[in-house]
C-alpha cells in the first residue's frame, strides 16, 4: 500500500448496530449518544425484523443482517442496504457467523431449524446435512439461536438450537453431532468457547441455567447462579483468555426484569453486576470485540441498552430505547462522511 493510499483510508472507530423486531437496524457511531436508522429508501423497509447481524474485520465496509425474508448487506461507503439473493430467501435467518479463520466462509442458521454454508463470502449458499426437527416441545417451531466458529480450530463449528440442544461439527460443517448430555433441557439460546491453560471450555446458555463443559461438549454441568430464575439467554467471552465470561439472565421472554452476571474463574462461579436503572425485561444480548476488550454493550429484550467502558466494572444506561431487540453487534468500522 502506498503512502497516498494509506492517507485515504478512513480510521476505524467503534460502531454499534442493533437489530429490532419491526424497526429494522439502528446505528450509533458515538457509543450510543446519538442514533440513526436508514429509512426504507435506503434498501431495507423500516418495519423489518432483524434477527442476526455479523461482520468480518477483513471486510470493514460491510455488515450482513438476517431478516424475516433472507439476507441483507449494508455498505458503509454507499450507506445503503441491498438484498442478497440466496437459497435462504423467504426464510427467517436467526443466526450468522463469519469464520475468524477465513472471511469467505460463513454459516447461517434459520427458522425452521437448518444450517446453510457459504464458501465465497456470501455469494452462494448450500444447505448442510444436519437433522433438526421442524417443531419441538411446546409446539414451538425450531430455530437456530446462534452459530459460532470455534476460535481455536477452523474446522470446529457450534450451533445452538431452540429447542434442539447443541450441535457441533468438526469438519467445517459437512457433518454434525447433536450434544445434550448433562443439559437440563434442550432449549439452548447461546454458546461460547474459551481456553483455560490450553484446554477448551464450552458454555451453553439454556433456559434453565448456564452450563459448562470441559470435554468439547460431550458432557455438560450446570453452574448455579445467585438469581431466583436460572433462565439465561446470551453468553460471551471477554476478548482475552483471562477467565472472564458474561451471561444474561431474566425470567423468560420477554420477562419483566433482567440481570447480568460475570465470572472471573472460567465459569465456575458467578457474580451479579450492578446495572443502573430498573431493567424492563430479560437481558438479551451481549456485544464484545477484541478491538477494545473493555467496551461492552448489553441490551434488554424490550429495548434498554447498557454500556461499560471498563470491562464490566461500571455501567451506564443509554437514553435511547429501541423497542424489541433481538440482535446487536459492535465492531470497528470505517466512518465515511456523507
C-alpha atoms as a PDB file:
ATOM      1  CA  UNK A   1       0.000   0.000   0.000  1.00  0.00           C
ATOM      2  CA  UNK A   2       1.395   3.400  -0.973  1.00  0.00           C
ATOM      3  CA  UNK A   3       1.565   6.394   1.324  1.00  0.00           C
ATOM      4  CA  UNK A   4      -1.177   8.118  -0.700  1.00  0.00           C
ATOM      5  CA  UNK A   5      -3.443   5.106  -0.348  1.00  0.00           C
ATOM      6  CA  UNK A   6      -2.790   4.981   3.370  1.00  0.00           C
ATOM      7  CA  UNK A   7      -3.853   8.594   3.740  1.00  0.00           C
ATOM      8  CA  UNK A   8      -7.192   7.938   2.035  1.00  0.00           C
ATOM      9  CA  UNK A   9      -8.121   5.044   4.304  1.00  0.00           C
ATOM     10  CA  UNK A  10     -10.682   6.113   6.928  1.00  0.00           C
ATOM     11  CA  UNK A  11      -9.856   5.477  10.532  1.00  0.00           C
ATOM     12  CA  UNK A  12     -11.739   2.712  12.289  1.00  0.00           C
ATOM     13  CA  UNK A  13     -13.846   3.531  15.322  1.00  0.00           C
ATOM     14  CA  UNK A  14     -16.451   1.602  17.317  1.00  0.00           C
ATOM     15  CA  UNK A  15     -19.847   1.369  15.664  1.00  0.00           C
ATOM     16  CA  UNK A  16     -22.770  -0.374  17.323  1.00  0.00           C
ATOM     17  CA  UNK A  17     -25.646  -1.948  15.383  1.00  0.00           C
ATOM     18  CA  UNK A  18     -28.954  -3.052  16.944  1.00  0.00           C
ATOM     19  CA  UNK A  19     -31.457  -5.253  15.134  1.00  0.00           C
ATOM     20  CA  UNK A  20     -35.080  -4.899  16.202  1.00  0.00           C
ATOM     21  CA  UNK A  21     -38.425  -6.571  15.652  1.00  0.00           C
ATOM     22  CA  UNK A  22     -40.340  -4.179  13.413  1.00  0.00           C
ATOM     23  CA  UNK A  23     -37.934  -1.219  13.324  1.00  0.00           C
ATOM     24  CA  UNK A  24     -35.051  -2.522  11.202  1.00  0.00           C
ATOM     25  CA  UNK A  25     -31.437  -1.748  12.273  1.00  0.00           C
ATOM     26  CA  UNK A  26     -30.275   1.250  14.289  1.00  0.00           C
ATOM     27  CA  UNK A  27     -26.654   2.509  14.227  1.00  0.00           C
ATOM     28  CA  UNK A  28     -24.581   4.602  16.602  1.00  0.00           C
ATOM     29  CA  UNK A  29     -21.086   5.940  15.912  1.00  0.00           C
ATOM     30  CA  UNK A  30     -20.626   7.726  19.259  1.00  0.00           C
ATOM     31  CA  UNK A  31     -21.110   4.907  21.769  1.00  0.00           C
ATOM     32  CA  UNK A  32     -24.849   5.357  21.941  1.00  0.00           C
ATOM     33  CA  UNK A  33     -25.186   9.084  22.456  1.00  0.00           C
ATOM     34  CA  UNK A  34     -26.945   9.545  19.093  1.00  0.00           C
ATOM     35  CA  UNK A  35     -28.611   7.055  16.747  1.00  0.00           C
ATOM     36  CA  UNK A  36     -29.611   6.792  13.110  1.00  0.00           C
ATOM     37  CA  UNK A  37     -31.857   4.367  11.240  1.00  0.00           C
ATOM     38  CA  UNK A  38     -31.736   4.344   7.428  1.00  0.00           C
ATOM     39  CA  UNK A  39     -35.241   4.754   6.030  1.00  0.00           C
ATOM     40  CA  UNK A  40     -36.871   2.349   3.587  1.00  0.00           C
ATOM     41  CA  UNK A  41     -35.476   4.331   0.640  1.00  0.00           C
ATOM     42  CA  UNK A  42     -32.020   3.054   1.679  1.00  0.00           C
ATOM     43  CA  UNK A  43     -32.861  -0.525   0.808  1.00  0.00           C
ATOM     44  CA  UNK A  44     -34.495  -2.160   3.843  1.00  0.00           C
ATOM     45  CA  UNK A  45     -38.023  -1.495   4.999  1.00  0.00           C
ATOM     46  CA  UNK A  46     -38.444   0.448   8.221  1.00  0.00           C
ATOM     47  CA  UNK A  47     -40.618  -2.380   9.523  1.00  0.00           C
ATOM     48  CA  UNK A  48     -38.033  -5.147   9.019  1.00  0.00           C
ATOM     49  CA  UNK A  49     -37.494  -7.779  11.703  1.00  0.00           C
ATOM     50  CA  UNK A  50     -33.760  -8.363  12.112  1.00  0.00           C
ATOM     51  CA  UNK A  51     -32.690 -11.491  13.982  1.00  0.00           C
ATOM     52  CA  UNK A  52     -28.923 -11.567  13.363  1.00  0.00           C
ATOM     53  CA  UNK A  53     -26.044  -9.226  12.466  1.00  0.00           C
ATOM     54  CA  UNK A  54     -22.496 -10.249  11.519  1.00  0.00           C
ATOM     55  CA  UNK A  55     -19.294  -8.821  10.071  1.00  0.00           C
ATOM     56  CA  UNK A  56     -15.659  -9.761   9.491  1.00  0.00           C
ATOM     57  CA  UNK A  57     -12.699  -7.443  10.203  1.00  0.00           C
ATOM     58  CA  UNK A  58     -11.235  -8.257   6.776  1.00  0.00           C
ATOM     59  CA  UNK A  59     -14.318  -6.627   5.201  1.00  0.00           C
ATOM     60  CA  UNK A  60     -14.880  -3.451   7.233  1.00  0.00           C
ATOM     61  CA  UNK A  61     -17.102  -1.840   4.600  1.00  0.00           C
ATOM     62  CA  UNK A  62     -19.921  -4.358   5.025  1.00  0.00           C
ATOM     63  CA  UNK A  63     -22.215  -5.974   7.570  1.00  0.00           C
ATOM     64  CA  UNK A  64     -24.784  -8.694   6.995  1.00  0.00           C
ATOM     65  CA  UNK A  65     -28.242  -8.822   8.546  1.00  0.00           C
ATOM     66  CA  UNK A  66     -30.525 -11.836   8.792  1.00  0.00           C
ATOM     67  CA  UNK A  67     -34.168 -10.862   8.416  1.00  0.00           C
ATOM     68  CA  UNK A  68     -37.604 -12.424   8.065  1.00  0.00           C
ATOM     69  CA  UNK A  69     -37.124 -12.824   4.334  1.00  0.00           C
ATOM     70  CA  UNK A  70     -33.457 -13.630   3.898  1.00  0.00           C
ATOM     71  CA  UNK A  71     -30.111 -11.879   3.841  1.00  0.00           C
ATOM     72  CA  UNK A  72     -29.324  -8.159   3.535  1.00  0.00           C
ATOM     73  CA  UNK A  73     -25.983  -6.349   3.261  1.00  0.00           C
ATOM     74  CA  UNK A  74     -25.130  -2.828   4.435  1.00  0.00           C
ATOM     75  CA  UNK A  75     -22.471  -0.883   2.537  1.00  0.00           C
ATOM     76  CA  UNK A  76     -20.721   1.616   4.842  1.00  0.00           C
ATOM     77  CA  UNK A  77     -19.355   3.649   1.928  1.00  0.00           C
ATOM     78  CA  UNK A  78     -22.595   3.868  -0.049  1.00  0.00           C
ATOM     79  CA  UNK A  79     -24.773   3.883   3.083  1.00  0.00           C
ATOM     80  CA  UNK A  80     -27.321   1.514   1.605  1.00  0.00           C
ATOM     81  CA  UNK A  81     -28.880  -1.873   2.283  1.00  0.00           C
ATOM     82  CA  UNK A  82     -29.176  -4.389  -0.530  1.00  0.00           C
ATOM     83  CA  UNK A  83     -30.911  -7.745  -0.609  1.00  0.00           C
ATOM     84  CA  UNK A  84     -28.511 -10.650  -1.227  1.00  0.00           C
ATOM     85  CA  UNK A  85     -30.303 -13.400  -3.201  1.00  0.00           C
ATOM     86  CA  UNK A  86     -29.579 -16.768  -1.561  1.00  0.00           C
ATOM     87  CA  UNK A  87     -31.045 -20.218  -1.035  1.00  0.00           C
ATOM     88  CA  UNK A  88     -32.463 -18.761   2.204  1.00  0.00           C
ATOM     89  CA  UNK A  89     -34.806 -16.279   0.524  1.00  0.00           C
ATOM     90  CA  UNK A  90     -38.169 -16.371   2.273  1.00  0.00           C
ATOM     91  CA  UNK A  91     -36.697 -17.866   5.451  1.00  0.00           C
ATOM     92  CA  UNK A  92     -36.076 -16.200   8.792  1.00  0.00           C
ATOM     93  CA  UNK A  93     -32.305 -16.013   9.345  1.00  0.00           C
ATOM     94  CA  UNK A  94     -31.805 -16.160  13.106  1.00  0.00           C
ATOM     95  CA  UNK A  95     -28.038 -16.695  13.301  1.00  0.00           C
ATOM     96  CA  UNK A  96     -24.996 -15.621  11.274  1.00  0.00           C
ATOM     97  CA  UNK A  97     -21.270 -16.009  11.805  1.00  0.00           C
ATOM     98  CA  UNK A  98     -18.125 -15.493   9.769  1.00  0.00           C
ATOM     99  CA  UNK A  99     -15.197 -17.808  10.266  1.00  0.00           C
ATOM    100  CA  UNK A 100     -12.457 -15.842  12.051  1.00  0.00           C
ATOM    101  CA  UNK A 101     -10.005 -18.047  10.153  1.00  0.00           C
ATOM    102  CA  UNK A 102     -11.353 -17.325   6.624  1.00  0.00           C
ATOM    103  CA  UNK A 103     -13.524 -14.299   5.710  1.00  0.00           C
ATOM    104  CA  UNK A 104     -15.009 -16.208   2.771  1.00  0.00           C
ATOM    105  CA  UNK A 105     -16.642 -18.827   4.997  1.00  0.00           C
ATOM    106  CA  UNK A 106     -19.964 -18.171   6.721  1.00  0.00           C
ATOM    107  CA  UNK A 107     -22.635 -20.247   8.400  1.00  0.00           C
ATOM    108  CA  UNK A 108     -26.262 -19.143   8.738  1.00  0.00           C
ATOM    109  CA  UNK A 109     -28.981 -20.665  10.903  1.00  0.00           C
ATOM    110  CA  UNK A 110     -32.647 -20.331  10.036  1.00  0.00           C
ATOM    111  CA  UNK A 111     -36.187 -20.967  11.250  1.00  0.00           C
ATOM    112  CA  UNK A 112     -37.393 -23.726  10.955  1.00  0.00           C
ATOM    113  CA  UNK A 113     -34.091 -25.143  12.158  1.00  0.00           C
ATOM    114  CA  UNK A 114     -31.499 -25.677   9.416  1.00  0.00           C
ATOM    115  CA  UNK A 115     -27.950 -24.569   8.612  1.00  0.00           C
ATOM    116  CA  UNK A 116     -26.504 -23.084   5.416  1.00  0.00           C
ATOM    117  CA  UNK A 117     -22.860 -22.505   4.453  1.00  0.00           C
ATOM    118  CA  UNK A 118     -21.154 -20.083   2.090  1.00  0.00           C
ATOM    119  CA  UNK A 119     -17.560 -20.505   0.933  1.00  0.00           C
ATOM    120  CA  UNK A 120     -17.404 -17.434  -1.282  1.00  0.00           C
ATOM    121  CA  UNK A 121     -18.113 -14.573   1.092  1.00  0.00           C
ATOM    122  CA  UNK A 122     -21.893 -14.925   0.991  1.00  0.00           C
ATOM    123  CA  UNK A 123     -22.478 -15.020  -2.770  1.00  0.00           C
ATOM    124  CA  UNK A 124     -23.702 -18.629  -2.876  1.00  0.00           C
ATOM    125  CA  UNK A 125     -25.032 -20.898  -0.157  1.00  0.00           C
ATOM    126  CA  UNK A 126     -25.635 -24.615   0.352  1.00  0.00           C
ATOM    127  CA  UNK A 127     -27.903 -26.317   2.859  1.00  0.00           C
ATOM    128  CA  UNK A 128     -25.904 -28.508   5.237  1.00  0.00           C
ATOM    129  CA  UNK A 129     -26.664 -32.091   6.178  1.00  0.00           C
ATOM    130  CA  UNK A 130     -27.817 -31.648   9.755  1.00  0.00           C
ATOM    131  CA  UNK A 131     -31.036 -33.026  11.214  1.00  0.00           C
ATOM    132  CA  UNK A 132     -33.250 -30.641  13.198  1.00  0.00           C
ATOM    133  CA  UNK A 133     -36.981 -31.010  13.832  1.00  0.00           C
ATOM    134  CA  UNK A 134     -39.394 -28.507  12.313  1.00  0.00           C
ATOM    135  CA  UNK A 135     -41.315 -28.370  15.579  1.00  0.00           C
ATOM    136  CA  UNK A 136     -40.056 -29.039  19.088  1.00  0.00           C
ATOM    137  CA  UNK A 137     -41.580 -29.346  22.525  1.00  0.00           C
ATOM    138  CA  UNK A 138     -44.378 -26.891  23.410  1.00  0.00           C
ATOM    139  CA  UNK A 139     -45.308 -26.912  19.686  1.00  0.00           C
ATOM    140  CA  UNK A 140     -42.578 -24.319  19.043  1.00  0.00           C
ATOM    141  CA  UNK A 141     -41.113 -24.000  15.549  1.00  0.00           C
ATOM    142  CA  UNK A 142     -37.391 -24.711  15.842  1.00  0.00           C
ATOM    143  CA  UNK A 143     -34.757 -22.052  15.168  1.00  0.00           C
ATOM    144  CA  UNK A 144     -31.010 -21.800  15.301  1.00  0.00           C
ATOM    145  CA  UNK A 145     -30.302 -19.260  18.028  1.00  0.00           C
ATOM    146  CA  UNK A 146     -26.543 -18.912  17.495  1.00  0.00           C
ATOM    147  CA  UNK A 147     -23.774 -20.106  15.190  1.00  0.00           C
ATOM    148  CA  UNK A 148     -20.196 -19.909  16.480  1.00  0.00           C
ATOM    149  CA  UNK A 149     -16.999 -20.759  14.676  1.00  0.00           C
ATOM    150  CA  UNK A 150     -14.580 -22.172  17.193  1.00  0.00           C
ATOM    151  CA  UNK A 151     -11.898 -19.514  17.824  1.00  0.00           C
ATOM    152  CA  UNK A 152      -9.128 -22.115  18.046  1.00  0.00           C
ATOM    153  CA  UNK A 153      -9.948 -24.762  15.453  1.00  0.00           C
ATOM    154  CA  UNK A 154     -11.034 -23.656  11.947  1.00  0.00           C
ATOM    155  CA  UNK A 155     -12.827 -26.966  11.356  1.00  0.00           C
ATOM    156  CA  UNK A 156     -14.998 -26.840  14.506  1.00  0.00           C
ATOM    157  CA  UNK A 157     -18.357 -25.054  14.456  1.00  0.00           C
ATOM    158  CA  UNK A 158     -21.064 -24.841  17.119  1.00  0.00           C
ATOM    159  CA  UNK A 159     -24.793 -24.196  16.692  1.00  0.00           C
ATOM    160  CA  UNK A 160     -27.331 -23.732  19.495  1.00  0.00           C
ATOM    161  CA  UNK A 161     -30.921 -24.586  18.668  1.00  0.00           C
ATOM    162  CA  UNK A 162     -34.244 -23.707  20.227  1.00  0.00           C
ATOM    163  CA  UNK A 163     -35.400 -26.323  21.038  1.00  0.00           C
ATOM    164  CA  UNK A 164     -32.930 -28.983  19.882  1.00  0.00           C
ATOM    165  CA  UNK A 165     -29.835 -28.800  22.109  1.00  0.00           C
ATOM    166  CA  UNK A 166     -26.332 -28.036  20.813  1.00  0.00           C
ATOM    167  CA  UNK A 167     -24.837 -29.211  17.518  1.00  0.00           C
ATOM    168  CA  UNK A 168     -21.125 -29.487  16.750  1.00  0.00           C
ATOM    169  CA  UNK A 169     -19.203 -30.023  13.529  1.00  0.00           C
ATOM    170  CA  UNK A 170     -15.546 -30.992  13.435  1.00  0.00           C
ATOM    171  CA  UNK A 171     -15.157 -30.971   9.655  1.00  0.00           C
ATOM    172  CA  UNK A 172     -16.140 -27.435   8.694  1.00  0.00           C
ATOM    173  CA  UNK A 173     -19.859 -28.136   8.599  1.00  0.00           C
ATOM    174  CA  UNK A 174     -20.011 -31.291   6.475  1.00  0.00           C
ATOM    175  CA  UNK A 175     -21.247 -33.481   9.342  1.00  0.00           C
ATOM    176  CA  UNK A 176     -22.767 -32.661  12.721  1.00  0.00           C
ATOM    177  CA  UNK A 177     -23.190 -34.258  16.147  1.00  0.00           C
ATOM    178  CA  UNK A 178     -26.069 -33.385  18.473  1.00  0.00           C
ATOM    179  CA  UNK A 179     -24.925 -32.775  22.073  1.00  0.00           C
ATOM    180  CA  UNK A 180     -27.190 -32.683  25.127  1.00  0.00           C
ATOM    181  CA  UNK A 181     -25.578 -34.896  27.764  1.00  0.00           C
ATOM    182  CA  UNK A 182     -25.903 -33.002  31.047  1.00  0.00           C
ATOM    183  CA  UNK A 183     -28.046 -30.152  29.711  1.00  0.00           C
ATOM    184  CA  UNK A 184     -31.072 -29.596  31.922  1.00  0.00           C
ATOM    185  CA  UNK A 185     -33.200 -29.003  28.803  1.00  0.00           C
ATOM    186  CA  UNK A 186     -32.674 -28.888  25.035  1.00  0.00           C
ATOM    187  CA  UNK A 187     -33.737 -25.223  24.915  1.00  0.00           C
ATOM    188  CA  UNK A 188     -30.316 -23.712  24.133  1.00  0.00           C
ATOM    189  CA  UNK A 189     -30.047 -19.987  23.415  1.00  0.00           C
ATOM    190  CA  UNK A 190     -26.314 -19.354  23.085  1.00  0.00           C
ATOM    191  CA  UNK A 191     -22.839 -20.856  23.057  1.00  0.00           C
ATOM    192  CA  UNK A 192     -19.344 -19.558  23.844  1.00  0.00           C
ATOM    193  CA  UNK A 193     -15.855 -21.054  23.811  1.00  0.00           C
ATOM    194  CA  UNK A 194     -12.656 -20.119  25.640  1.00  0.00           C
ATOM    195  CA  UNK A 195      -9.495 -21.851  26.858  1.00  0.00           C
ATOM    196  CA  UNK A 196      -8.015 -22.368  30.283  1.00  0.00           C
ATOM    197  CA  UNK A 197      -4.360 -23.382  30.254  1.00  0.00           C
ATOM    198  CA  UNK A 198      -4.793 -24.577  26.685  1.00  0.00           C
ATOM    199  CA  UNK A 199      -7.932 -26.607  27.421  1.00  0.00           C
ATOM    200  CA  UNK A 200     -11.152 -25.740  25.605  1.00  0.00           C
ATOM    201  CA  UNK A 201     -14.109 -24.749  27.818  1.00  0.00           C
ATOM    202  CA  UNK A 202     -17.566 -24.657  26.208  1.00  0.00           C
ATOM    203  CA  UNK A 203     -20.554 -22.773  27.643  1.00  0.00           C
ATOM    204  CA  UNK A 204     -24.216 -23.273  26.757  1.00  0.00           C
ATOM    205  CA  UNK A 205     -26.838 -20.717  27.804  1.00  0.00           C
ATOM    206  CA  UNK A 206     -30.019 -22.699  28.445  1.00  0.00           C
ATOM    207  CA  UNK A 207     -33.481 -21.726  29.626  1.00  0.00           C
ATOM    208  CA  UNK A 208     -32.649 -23.384  32.966  1.00  0.00           C
ATOM    209  CA  UNK A 209     -29.151 -22.111  33.573  1.00  0.00           C
ATOM    210  CA  UNK A 210     -25.611 -21.671  32.335  1.00  0.00           C
ATOM    211  CA  UNK A 211     -23.883 -24.964  31.542  1.00  0.00           C
ATOM    212  CA  UNK A 212     -20.174 -25.686  31.318  1.00  0.00           C
ATOM    213  CA  UNK A 213     -18.203 -28.414  29.533  1.00  0.00           C
ATOM    214  CA  UNK A 214     -14.546 -29.358  29.739  1.00  0.00           C
ATOM    215  CA  UNK A 215     -14.725 -32.190  27.181  1.00  0.00           C
ATOM    216  CA  UNK A 216     -15.686 -30.374  23.973  1.00  0.00           C
ATOM    217  CA  UNK A 217     -19.398 -30.538  24.701  1.00  0.00           C
ATOM    218  CA  UNK A 218     -19.612 -34.277  25.236  1.00  0.00           C
ATOM    219  CA  UNK A 219     -20.934 -33.649  28.762  1.00  0.00           C
ATOM    220  CA  UNK A 220     -22.186 -30.507  30.487  1.00  0.00           C
ATOM    221  CA  UNK A 221     -22.703 -29.481  34.090  1.00  0.00           C
ATOM    222  CA  UNK A 222     -24.976 -26.655  35.190  1.00  0.00           C
ATOM    223  CA  UNK A 223     -23.421 -23.950  37.369  1.00  0.00           C
ATOM    224  CA  UNK A 224     -25.922 -22.349  39.753  1.00  0.00           C
ATOM    225  CA  UNK A 225     -26.137 -18.557  39.662  1.00  0.00           C
ATOM    226  CA  UNK A 226     -27.368 -16.411  42.572  1.00  0.00           C
ATOM    227  CA  UNK A 227     -30.708 -15.499  40.973  1.00  0.00           C
ATOM    228  CA  UNK A 228     -34.301 -16.662  41.548  1.00  0.00           C
ATOM    229  CA  UNK A 229     -34.703 -17.701  37.911  1.00  0.00           C
ATOM    230  CA  UNK A 230     -31.919 -19.544  36.073  1.00  0.00           C
ATOM    231  CA  UNK A 231     -33.117 -18.542  32.576  1.00  0.00           C
ATOM    232  CA  UNK A 232     -30.080 -17.494  30.532  1.00  0.00           C
ATOM    233  CA  UNK A 233     -30.047 -16.010  27.056  1.00  0.00           C
ATOM    234  CA  UNK A 234     -26.590 -14.878  25.901  1.00  0.00           C
ATOM    235  CA  UNK A 235     -23.081 -15.863  26.951  1.00  0.00           C
ATOM    236  CA  UNK A 236     -19.949 -14.030  25.830  1.00  0.00           C
ATOM    237  CA  UNK A 237     -16.226 -14.255  26.482  1.00  0.00           C
ATOM    238  CA  UNK A 238     -14.224 -11.135  27.231  1.00  0.00           C
ATOM    239  CA  UNK A 239     -11.783 -10.956  24.305  1.00  0.00           C
ATOM    240  CA  UNK A 240      -8.768 -12.352  26.128  1.00  0.00           C
ATOM    241  CA  UNK A 241      -8.177 -15.617  27.951  1.00  0.00           C
ATOM    242  CA  UNK A 242      -8.313 -14.278  31.499  1.00  0.00           C
ATOM    243  CA  UNK A 243     -11.296 -16.300  32.666  1.00  0.00           C
ATOM    244  CA  UNK A 244     -13.874 -13.509  32.264  1.00  0.00           C
ATOM    245  CA  UNK A 245     -17.273 -14.558  30.936  1.00  0.00           C
ATOM    246  CA  UNK A 246     -20.590 -12.696  30.877  1.00  0.00           C
ATOM    247  CA  UNK A 247     -24.117 -14.150  30.829  1.00  0.00           C
ATOM    248  CA  UNK A 248     -27.541 -12.510  30.640  1.00  0.00           C
ATOM    249  CA  UNK A 249     -30.417 -13.579  32.882  1.00  0.00           C
ATOM    250  CA  UNK A 250     -34.134 -12.993  33.369  1.00  0.00           C
ATOM    251  CA  UNK A 251     -37.325 -14.967  33.902  1.00  0.00           C
ATOM    252  CA  UNK A 252     -38.143 -15.709  30.276  1.00  0.00           C
ATOM    253  CA  UNK A 253     -39.098 -13.987  27.050  1.00  0.00           C
ATOM    254  CA  UNK A 254     -39.598 -11.098  27.315  1.00  0.00           C
ATOM    255  CA  UNK A 255     -39.631 -11.196  31.104  1.00  0.00           C
ATOM    256  CA  UNK A 256     -40.141  -8.266  33.450  1.00  0.00           C
ATOM    257  CA  UNK A 257     -36.644  -7.929  34.913  1.00  0.00           C
ATOM    258  CA  UNK A 258     -33.077  -8.710  33.880  1.00  0.00           C
ATOM    259  CA  UNK A 259     -29.703  -9.342  35.479  1.00  0.00           C
ATOM    260  CA  UNK A 260     -26.144  -9.519  34.191  1.00  0.00           C
ATOM    261  CA  UNK A 261     -23.583 -11.903  35.660  1.00  0.00           C
ATOM    262  CA  UNK A 262     -19.821 -12.129  35.318  1.00  0.00           C
ATOM    263  CA  UNK A 263     -17.404 -14.931  36.090  1.00  0.00           C
ATOM    264  CA  UNK A 264     -13.703 -14.371  36.563  1.00  0.00           C
ATOM    265  CA  UNK A 265     -12.819 -18.028  37.068  1.00  0.00           C
ATOM    266  CA  UNK A 266     -13.781 -19.560  33.707  1.00  0.00           C
ATOM    267  CA  UNK A 267     -17.414 -20.015  34.679  1.00  0.00           C
ATOM    268  CA  UNK A 268     -17.043 -21.863  37.958  1.00  0.00           C
ATOM    269  CA  UNK A 269     -18.760 -19.086  39.938  1.00  0.00           C
ATOM    270  CA  UNK A 270     -20.831 -16.036  39.024  1.00  0.00           C
ATOM    271  CA  UNK A 271     -21.345 -12.556  40.481  1.00  0.00           C
ATOM    272  CA  UNK A 272     -24.149 -10.156  39.569  1.00  0.00           C
ATOM    273  CA  UNK A 273     -23.023  -6.835  38.103  1.00  0.00           C
ATOM    274  CA  UNK A 274     -24.591  -3.577  39.228  1.00  0.00           C
ATOM    275  CA  UNK A 275     -26.532  -2.057  36.338  1.00  0.00           C
ATOM    276  CA  UNK A 276     -28.178   1.353  36.652  1.00  0.00           C
ATOM    277  CA  UNK A 277     -31.958   1.721  36.416  1.00  0.00           C
ATOM    278  CA  UNK A 278     -34.603  -0.947  36.750  1.00  0.00           C
ATOM    279  CA  UNK A 279     -34.489  -3.436  33.900  1.00  0.00           C
ATOM    280  CA  UNK A 280     -37.731  -3.768  31.971  1.00  0.00           C
ATOM    281  CA  UNK A 281     -37.219  -7.333  30.684  1.00  0.00           C
ATOM    282  CA  UNK A 282     -34.762 -10.199  30.397  1.00  0.00           C
ATOM    283  CA  UNK A 283     -31.305  -9.070  29.309  1.00  0.00           C
ATOM    284  CA  UNK A 284     -30.958 -10.478  25.789  1.00  0.00           C
ATOM    285  CA  UNK A 285     -27.680  -9.624  24.048  1.00  0.00           C
ATOM    286  CA  UNK A 286     -24.007  -9.075  24.926  1.00  0.00           C
ATOM    287  CA  UNK A 287     -21.680  -7.404  22.423  1.00  0.00           C
ATOM    288  CA  UNK A 288     -17.885  -7.571  22.748  1.00  0.00           C
ATOM    289  CA  UNK A 289     -14.993  -7.116  20.326  1.00  0.00           C
ATOM    290  CA  UNK A 290     -11.239  -7.517  20.708  1.00  0.00           C
ATOM    291  CA  UNK A 291     -10.707  -4.074  19.104  1.00  0.00           C
ATOM    292  CA  UNK A 292     -11.461  -2.796  22.626  1.00  0.00           C
ATOM    293  CA  UNK A 293     -11.904  -5.586  25.190  1.00  0.00           C
ATOM    294  CA  UNK A 294     -13.215  -3.142  27.778  1.00  0.00           C
ATOM    295  CA  UNK A 295     -16.121  -1.837  25.670  1.00  0.00           C
ATOM    296  CA  UNK A 296     -19.264  -3.929  26.232  1.00  0.00           C
ATOM    297  CA  UNK A 297     -22.885  -3.362  25.249  1.00  0.00           C
ATOM    298  CA  UNK A 298     -25.803  -5.247  26.811  1.00  0.00           C
ATOM    299  CA  UNK A 299     -29.405  -4.979  25.612  1.00  0.00           C
ATOM    300  CA  UNK A 300     -32.664  -5.995  27.220  1.00  0.00           C
ATOM    301  CA  UNK A 301     -35.325  -7.761  25.188  1.00  0.00           C
ATOM    302  CA  UNK A 302     -37.582  -4.696  25.360  1.00  0.00           C
ATOM    303  CA  UNK A 303     -35.156  -2.068  24.201  1.00  0.00           C
ATOM    304  CA  UNK A 304     -32.909  -0.885  27.031  1.00  0.00           C
ATOM    305  CA  UNK A 305     -29.183  -0.576  26.303  1.00  0.00           C
ATOM    306  CA  UNK A 306     -26.331  -0.518  28.818  1.00  0.00           C
ATOM    307  CA  UNK A 307     -22.658   0.252  28.152  1.00  0.00           C
ATOM    308  CA  UNK A 308     -19.466  -0.431  30.052  1.00  0.00           C
ATOM    309  CA  UNK A 309     -16.151   1.193  29.179  1.00  0.00           C
ATOM    310  CA  UNK A 310     -14.094  -0.645  31.804  1.00  0.00           C
ATOM    311  CA  UNK A 311     -14.689  -4.323  31.143  1.00  0.00           C
ATOM    312  CA  UNK A 312     -17.929  -4.573  33.113  1.00  0.00           C
ATOM    313  CA  UNK A 313     -16.927  -2.924  36.394  1.00  0.00           C
ATOM    314  CA  UNK A 314     -19.239   0.068  35.893  1.00  0.00           C
ATOM    315  CA  UNK A 315     -22.165   0.694  33.560  1.00  0.00           C
ATOM    316  CA  UNK A 316     -24.278   3.491  32.151  1.00  0.00           C
ATOM    317  CA  UNK A 317     -27.785   3.192  30.747  1.00  0.00           C
ATOM    318  CA  UNK A 318     -28.160   4.826  27.351  1.00  0.00           C
ATOM    319  CA  UNK A 319     -31.004   7.292  26.974  1.00  0.00           C
ATOM    320  CA  UNK A 320     -32.344   5.794  23.742  1.00  0.00           C
ATOM    321  CA  UNK A 321     -34.632   2.735  23.918  1.00  0.00           C
ATOM    322  CA  UNK A 322     -35.360   0.782  20.756  1.00  0.00           C
ATOM    323  CA  UNK A 323     -38.482  -1.342  21.128  1.00  0.00           C
ATOM    324  CA  UNK A 324     -37.968  -5.112  20.922  1.00  0.00           C
ATOM    325  CA  UNK A 325     -34.304  -6.015  20.406  1.00  0.00           C
ATOM    326  CA  UNK A 326     -33.243  -9.407  19.029  1.00  0.00           C
ATOM    327  CA  UNK A 327     -29.684  -8.810  17.773  1.00  0.00           C
ATOM    328  CA  UNK A 328     -26.759  -6.492  18.446  1.00  0.00           C
ATOM    329  CA  UNK A 329     -23.206  -6.208  17.179  1.00  0.00           C
ATOM    330  CA  UNK A 330     -20.350  -3.790  17.701  1.00  0.00           C
ATOM    331  CA  UNK A 331     -17.180  -3.632  15.658  1.00  0.00           C
ATOM    332  CA  UNK A 332     -14.503  -1.219  14.440  1.00  0.00           C
ATOM    333  CA  UNK A 333     -15.952   0.354  11.287  1.00  0.00           C
ATOM    334  CA  UNK A 334     -14.780   2.934   8.787  1.00  0.00           C
ATOM    335  CA  UNK A 335     -16.661   6.201   9.230  1.00  0.00           C
ATOM    336  CA  UNK A 336     -17.254   7.897   5.876  1.00  0.00           C
ATOM    337  CA  UNK A 337     -18.530  11.434   5.611  1.00  0.00           C
ATOM    338  CA  UNK A 338     -21.924  11.821   3.969  1.00  0.00           C
END
